[in-house]
Every structure is written in structure tokens, then in C-alpha cells.
Amino acid sequence: MFLNIFWRPPILAGKRDGNVEEPMRNETGSHPATADNERRTPMKSATFVYTELSTHAARKAREFYGELFGWQYQDVPGPHQYALVQSGGQVIGGIAGGQKNNQWLPYVGVADIKAATTKAKELGATAEVECRKFGDMGTASVLVDPTGARFALWQAGG
């Protein structure tokens, strides 16, 4: 199974209407895009809300995507190599270093993760990780669709 201790959920918060907003905080507690923490980007449910690259060559990936797209990175403190990816001042994903495989994992925001996970399985997906809560940040599940492609579902909030 690919998912291991290095995997982290996207750091997104939810609203009761099922939309997801991105309130990422840096080490000082402020939003990386603005010091006053006022700017938020609402994201509709059932859209891609975060993408994570797992790789054994994080530095090389950061250099490549930084040059290609102008992405900027914010290192996340902790025992594992992880950086948030920013584009235009918005957090759009992450890069996890020290991994065996090199692959992207897209996250789709949903209003009801249990229902969406159940429906995906009814439609032929298999679950690598059933709904797993990450504190008050939200809940994730990792699925493999009927074609063999991996993706994650994310329901923000507690």
C-alpha cells in the first residue's frame, strides 16, 4: 500500500454549505498570501482542491516545477520532508520527499465524504484508505478508480 506515515491530508477548512476554502497558515499563524488573513479562496464541492506529489527527489521536483510554473514553496516543519506548493499566493498542493514512488495524488473536495466514498465503491472503485479523520482539519479517503487511477476525497472541517 502506498499510503504511509509521510502522507498528510491537504490543509483546507470547510464551510457548512459544502464549499471548501483554503485558509493555510504559516508558522506565524498568518495566511501565507496575506498578513491580515482576510483573503480566502472558496472552492466548490466535487472539484480538485489539492494535489500532492510524492517523490524520492523533492529538491529536483521543486526546481523543475518552480522553473516551469513559477511555483513557490513553504517548508512545513516536522520530521518528514514536506513543502506546500503556492501559485499566485494560493496553496495548491504539496510535495512530500523521501518517498519510494514518484506520483501525483489529486484530492477532490466533497460535502459528504462517507456518501461519496460509498458511491465510488458502488461504481467500482476500491478503497486504499477508508474515511480517516485528521483532527478538526477534515476527513480523507484514498481510492482507486475502475481504471486503476488513484485519487483522494477530502471533506474539510470537523
C-alpha atoms as a PDB file:
ATOM      1  CA  MET A   1       0.000   0.000   0.000  1.00  0.00           C
ATOM      2  CA  PHE A   2       1.419   3.379  -0.991  1.00  0.00           C
ATOM      3  CA  LEU A   3      -0.070   5.405   1.846  1.00  0.00           C
ATOM      4  CA  ASN A   4       2.388   5.599   4.696  1.00  0.00           C
ATOM      5  CA  ILE A   5       3.404   7.843   7.558  1.00  0.00           C
ATOM      6  CA  PHE A   6       4.584  10.549   5.154  1.00  0.00           C
ATOM      7  CA  TRP A   7       1.107  11.069   3.693  1.00  0.00           C
ATOM      8  CA  ARG A   8      -0.776  14.089   5.011  1.00  0.00           C
ATOM      9  CA  PRO A   9      -4.197  15.448   4.181  1.00  0.00           C
ATOM     10  CA  PRO A  10      -4.499  18.784   2.455  1.00  0.00           C
ATOM     11  CA  ILE A  11      -4.732  21.608   4.929  1.00  0.00           C
ATOM     12  CA  LEU A  12      -8.097  23.026   3.980  1.00  0.00           C
ATOM     13  CA  ALA A  13     -11.084  24.153   6.009  1.00  0.00           C
ATOM     14  CA  GLY A  14     -14.729  23.701   5.174  1.00  0.00           C
ATOM     15  CA  LYS A  15     -17.911  25.639   5.312  1.00  0.00           C
ATOM     16  CA  ARG A  16     -21.295  24.183   6.208  1.00  0.00           C
ATOM     17  CA  ASP A  17     -22.623  24.685   2.663  1.00  0.00           C
ATOM     18  CA  GLY A  18     -20.227  22.053   1.302  1.00  0.00           C
ATOM     19  CA  ASN A  19     -17.816  24.511  -0.238  1.00  0.00           C
ATOM     20  CA  VAL A  20     -14.194  24.362   0.765  1.00  0.00           C
ATOM     21  CA  GLU A  21     -11.968  27.324   1.467  1.00  0.00           C
ATOM     22  CA  GLU A  22      -8.214  27.497   1.744  1.00  0.00           C
ATOM     23  CA  PRO A  23      -7.049  29.128   4.999  1.00  0.00           C
ATOM     24  CA  MET A  24      -3.490  27.770   5.149  1.00  0.00           C
ATOM     25  CA  ARG A  25      -1.433  29.285   7.946  1.00  0.00           C
ATOM     26  CA  ASN A  26       2.322  29.705   8.013  1.00  0.00           C
ATOM     27  CA  GLU A  27       4.478  29.212  11.106  1.00  0.00           C
ATOM     28  CA  THR A  28       3.441  32.618  12.494  1.00  0.00           C
ATOM     29  CA  GLY A  29      -0.243  31.748  12.191  1.00  0.00           C
ATOM     30  CA  SER A  30      -0.954  34.131   9.329  1.00  0.00           C
ATOM     31  CA  HIS A  31      -2.144  33.221   5.863  1.00  0.00           C
ATOM     32  CA  PRO A  32       0.851  32.951   3.524  1.00  0.00           C
ATOM     33  CA  ALA A  33      -0.884  35.017   0.834  1.00  0.00           C
ATOM     34  CA  THR A  34      -1.827  37.884   3.138  1.00  0.00           C
ATOM     35  CA  ALA A  35      -0.654  39.038   6.528  1.00  0.00           C
ATOM     36  CA  ASP A  36      -4.121  40.045   7.687  1.00  0.00           C
ATOM     37  CA  ASN A  37      -5.625  36.613   6.963  1.00  0.00           C
ATOM     38  CA  GLU A  38      -8.596  38.115   5.107  1.00  0.00           C
ATOM     39  CA  ARG A  39      -8.203  36.542   1.663  1.00  0.00           C
ATOM     40  CA  ARG A  40      -9.797  33.133   1.183  1.00  0.00           C
ATOM     41  CA  THR A  41     -10.477  31.189  -1.987  1.00  0.00           C
ATOM     42  CA  PRO A  42     -13.784  29.290  -1.954  1.00  0.00           C
ATOM     43  CA  MET A  43     -13.739  26.026  -3.866  1.00  0.00           C
ATOM     44  CA  LYS A  44     -16.866  24.222  -4.970  1.00  0.00           C
ATOM     45  CA  SER A  45     -17.543  20.682  -3.877  1.00  0.00           C
ATOM     46  CA  ALA A  46     -16.617  17.920  -6.367  1.00  0.00           C
ATOM     47  CA  THR A  47     -13.692  19.867  -7.814  1.00  0.00           C
ATOM     48  CA  PHE A  48      -9.968  19.289  -7.448  1.00  0.00           C
ATOM     49  CA  VAL A  49      -8.900  21.152  -4.308  1.00  0.00           C
ATOM     50  CA  TYR A  50      -5.310  19.977  -3.747  1.00  0.00           C
ATOM     51  CA  THR A  51      -2.654  17.882  -5.483  1.00  0.00           C
ATOM     52  CA  GLU A  52       0.240  16.192  -3.775  1.00  0.00           C
ATOM     53  CA  LEU A  53       3.471  14.904  -5.311  1.00  0.00           C
ATOM     54  CA  SER A  54       5.223  12.067  -3.524  1.00  0.00           C
ATOM     55  CA  THR A  55       8.793  11.669  -4.726  1.00  0.00           C
ATOM     56  CA  HIS A  56      12.266  10.450  -3.847  1.00  0.00           C
ATOM     57  CA  ALA A  57      13.704  13.612  -5.463  1.00  0.00           C
ATOM     58  CA  ALA A  58      11.867  16.529  -3.828  1.00  0.00           C
ATOM     59  CA  ARG A  59      14.621  19.083  -4.455  1.00  0.00           C
ATOM     60  CA  LYS A  60      14.761  18.235  -8.158  1.00  0.00           C
ATOM     61  CA  ALA A  61      10.950  18.374  -8.407  1.00  0.00           C
ATOM     62  CA  ARG A  62      10.852  21.748  -6.661  1.00  0.00           C
ATOM     63  CA  GLU A  63      13.464  23.151  -9.047  1.00  0.00           C
ATOM     64  CA  PHE A  64      11.685  21.751 -12.112  1.00  0.00           C
ATOM     65  CA  TYR A  65       8.168  22.957 -11.244  1.00  0.00           C
ATOM     66  CA  GLY A  66       9.484  26.244  -9.874  1.00  0.00           C
ATOM     67  CA  GLU A  67      11.176  26.995 -13.207  1.00  0.00           C
ATOM     68  CA  LEU A  68       8.306  25.632 -15.298  1.00  0.00           C
ATOM     69  CA  PHE A  69       5.363  27.261 -13.496  1.00  0.00           C
ATOM     70  CA  GLY A  70       6.924  29.807 -11.151  1.00  0.00           C
ATOM     71  CA  TRP A  71       5.685  27.881  -8.123  1.00  0.00           C
ATOM     72  CA  GLN A  72       6.918  28.878  -4.705  1.00  0.00           C
ATOM     73  CA  TYR A  73       7.322  26.605  -1.699  1.00  0.00           C
ATOM     74  CA  GLN A  74       6.787  26.826   2.018  1.00  0.00           C
ATOM     75  CA  ASP A  75       8.547  24.150   4.052  1.00  0.00           C
ATOM     76  CA  VAL A  76       6.393  22.515   6.703  1.00  0.00           C
ATOM     77  CA  PRO A  77       8.282  21.947   9.958  1.00  0.00           C
ATOM     78  CA  GLY A  78       8.379  18.366  11.147  1.00  0.00           C
ATOM     79  CA  PRO A  79      10.311  15.142  10.959  1.00  0.00           C
ATOM     80  CA  HIS A  80       9.458  14.498   7.306  1.00  0.00           C
ATOM     81  CA  GLN A  81      10.378  16.420   4.176  1.00  0.00           C
ATOM     82  CA  TYR A  82       7.219  18.283   3.106  1.00  0.00           C
ATOM     83  CA  ALA A  83       6.550  21.596   1.398  1.00  0.00           C
ATOM     84  CA  LEU A  84       3.373  23.403   0.462  1.00  0.00           C
ATOM     85  CA  VAL A  85       3.161  24.466  -3.175  1.00  0.00           C
ATOM     86  CA  GLN A  86       1.953  28.000  -3.838  1.00  0.00           C
ATOM     87  CA  SER A  87       0.878  29.588  -7.101  1.00  0.00           C
ATOM     88  CA  GLY A  88      -0.255  33.194  -7.268  1.00  0.00           C
ATOM     89  CA  GLY A  89      -0.185  33.363  -3.466  1.00  0.00           C
ATOM     90  CA  GLN A  90      -2.562  30.412  -3.108  1.00  0.00           C
ATOM     91  CA  VAL A  91      -1.717  26.995  -1.680  1.00  0.00           C
ATOM     92  CA  ILE A  92      -2.463  24.489  -4.453  1.00  0.00           C
ATOM     93  CA  GLY A  93      -0.711  21.357  -3.252  1.00  0.00           C
ATOM     94  CA  GLY A  94       2.262  19.790  -1.575  1.00  0.00           C
ATOM     95  CA  ILE A  95       5.469  17.890  -2.245  1.00  0.00           C
ATOM     96  CA  ALA A  96       6.406  15.006   0.040  1.00  0.00           C
ATOM     97  CA  GLY A  97      10.046  13.968  -0.214  1.00  0.00           C
ATOM     98  CA  GLY A  98      11.701  10.738   0.829  1.00  0.00           C
ATOM     99  CA  GLN A  99       9.146   8.540  -0.944  1.00  0.00           C
ATOM    100  CA  LYS A 100       9.851   5.357  -2.915  1.00  0.00           C
ATOM    101  CA  ASN A 101       7.458   6.160  -5.756  1.00  0.00           C
ATOM    102  CA  ASN A 102       7.105   9.299  -7.840  1.00  0.00           C
ATOM    103  CA  GLN A 103       3.434  10.057  -8.331  1.00  0.00           C
ATOM    104  CA  TRP A 104       0.779  12.710  -8.021  1.00  0.00           C
ATOM    105  CA  LEU A 105      -2.328  12.264  -5.857  1.00  0.00           C
ATOM    106  CA  PRO A 106      -5.210  14.624  -6.677  1.00  0.00           C
ATOM    107  CA  TYR A 107      -7.781  15.468  -3.985  1.00  0.00           C
ATOM    108  CA  VAL A 108     -11.433  16.148  -4.807  1.00  0.00           C
ATOM    109  CA  GLY A 109     -13.400  18.195  -2.277  1.00  0.00           C
ATOM    110  CA  VAL A 110     -16.766  16.724  -1.294  1.00  0.00           C
ATOM    111  CA  ALA A 111     -19.561  17.792   1.047  1.00  0.00           C
ATOM    112  CA  ASP A 112     -20.185  14.263   2.430  1.00  0.00           C
ATOM    113  CA  ILE A 113     -17.129  12.025   2.332  1.00  0.00           C
ATOM    114  CA  LYS A 114     -18.878   8.909   3.633  1.00  0.00           C
ATOM    115  CA  ALA A 115     -21.552   9.116   0.935  1.00  0.00           C
ATOM    116  CA  ALA A 116     -19.014   9.930  -1.798  1.00  0.00           C
ATOM    117  CA  THR A 117     -16.701   7.074  -0.734  1.00  0.00           C
ATOM    118  CA  THR A 118     -19.611   4.634  -0.626  1.00  0.00           C
ATOM    119  CA  LYS A 119     -20.862   5.742  -4.047  1.00  0.00           C
ATOM    120  CA  ALA A 120     -17.364   5.458  -5.550  1.00  0.00           C
ATOM    121  CA  LYS A 121     -17.096   1.889  -4.270  1.00  0.00           C
ATOM    122  CA  GLU A 122     -20.572   1.061  -5.612  1.00  0.00           C
ATOM    123  CA  LEU A 123     -19.360   2.322  -9.003  1.00  0.00           C
ATOM    124  CA  GLY A 124     -16.342   0.018  -8.949  1.00  0.00           C
ATOM    125  CA  ALA A 125     -13.634   1.897  -7.030  1.00  0.00           C
ATOM    126  CA  THR A 126     -11.621   0.225  -4.303  1.00  0.00           C
ATOM    127  CA  ALA A 127     -10.553   1.953  -1.112  1.00  0.00           C
ATOM    128  CA  GLU A 128      -6.867   2.043  -0.186  1.00  0.00           C
ATOM    129  CA  VAL A 129      -7.729   4.152   2.850  1.00  0.00           C
ATOM    130  CA  GLU A 130     -11.261   4.340   4.220  1.00  0.00           C
ATOM    131  CA  CYS A 131     -12.507   7.634   5.640  1.00  0.00           C
ATOM    132  CA  ARG A 132      -9.810   8.815   8.027  1.00  0.00           C
ATOM    133  CA  LYS A 133     -10.266  11.885  10.211  1.00  0.00           C
ATOM    134  CA  PHE A 134      -7.392  14.347  10.605  1.00  0.00           C
ATOM    135  CA  GLY A 135      -8.250  16.275  13.753  1.00  0.00           C
ATOM    136  CA  ASP A 136     -10.520  19.211  13.049  1.00  0.00           C
ATOM    137  CA  MET A 137      -8.946  19.765   9.599  1.00  0.00           C
ATOM    138  CA  GLY A 138     -11.153  17.222   7.858  1.00  0.00           C
ATOM    139  CA  THR A 139     -11.529  13.668   6.632  1.00  0.00           C
ATOM    140  CA  ALA A 140      -9.874  11.920   3.690  1.00  0.00           C
ATOM    141  CA  SER A 141     -10.218   8.650   1.844  1.00  0.00           C
ATOM    142  CA  VAL A 142      -7.892   7.333  -0.862  1.00  0.00           C
ATOM    143  CA  LEU A 143      -9.477   5.373  -3.704  1.00  0.00           C
ATOM    144  CA  VAL A 144      -8.508   3.583  -6.896  1.00  0.00           C
ATOM    145  CA  ASP A 145     -10.990   4.061  -9.730  1.00  0.00           C
ATOM    146  CA  PRO A 146     -12.058   1.182 -12.032  1.00  0.00           C
ATOM    147  CA  THR A 147      -9.256   2.101 -14.477  1.00  0.00           C
ATOM    148  CA  GLY A 148      -6.581   1.813 -11.778  1.00  0.00           C
ATOM    149  CA  ALA A 149      -6.047   5.548 -11.201  1.00  0.00           C
ATOM    150  CA  ARG A 150      -5.582   6.719  -7.608  1.00  0.00           C
ATOM    151  CA  PHE A 151      -7.331   9.779  -6.183  1.00  0.00           C
ATOM    152  CA  ALA A 152      -8.370  11.084  -2.800  1.00  0.00           C
ATOM    153  CA  LEU A 153     -11.606  12.541  -1.470  1.00  0.00           C
ATOM    154  CA  TRP A 154     -11.478  15.347   1.092  1.00  0.00           C
ATOM    155  CA  GLN A 155     -14.222  16.712   3.320  1.00  0.00           C
ATOM    156  CA  ALA A 156     -12.962  19.748   5.161  1.00  0.00           C
ATOM    157  CA  GLY A 157     -13.770  20.524   8.773  1.00  0.00           C
ATOM    158  CA  GLY A 158     -14.596  18.510  11.871  1.00  0.00           C
END
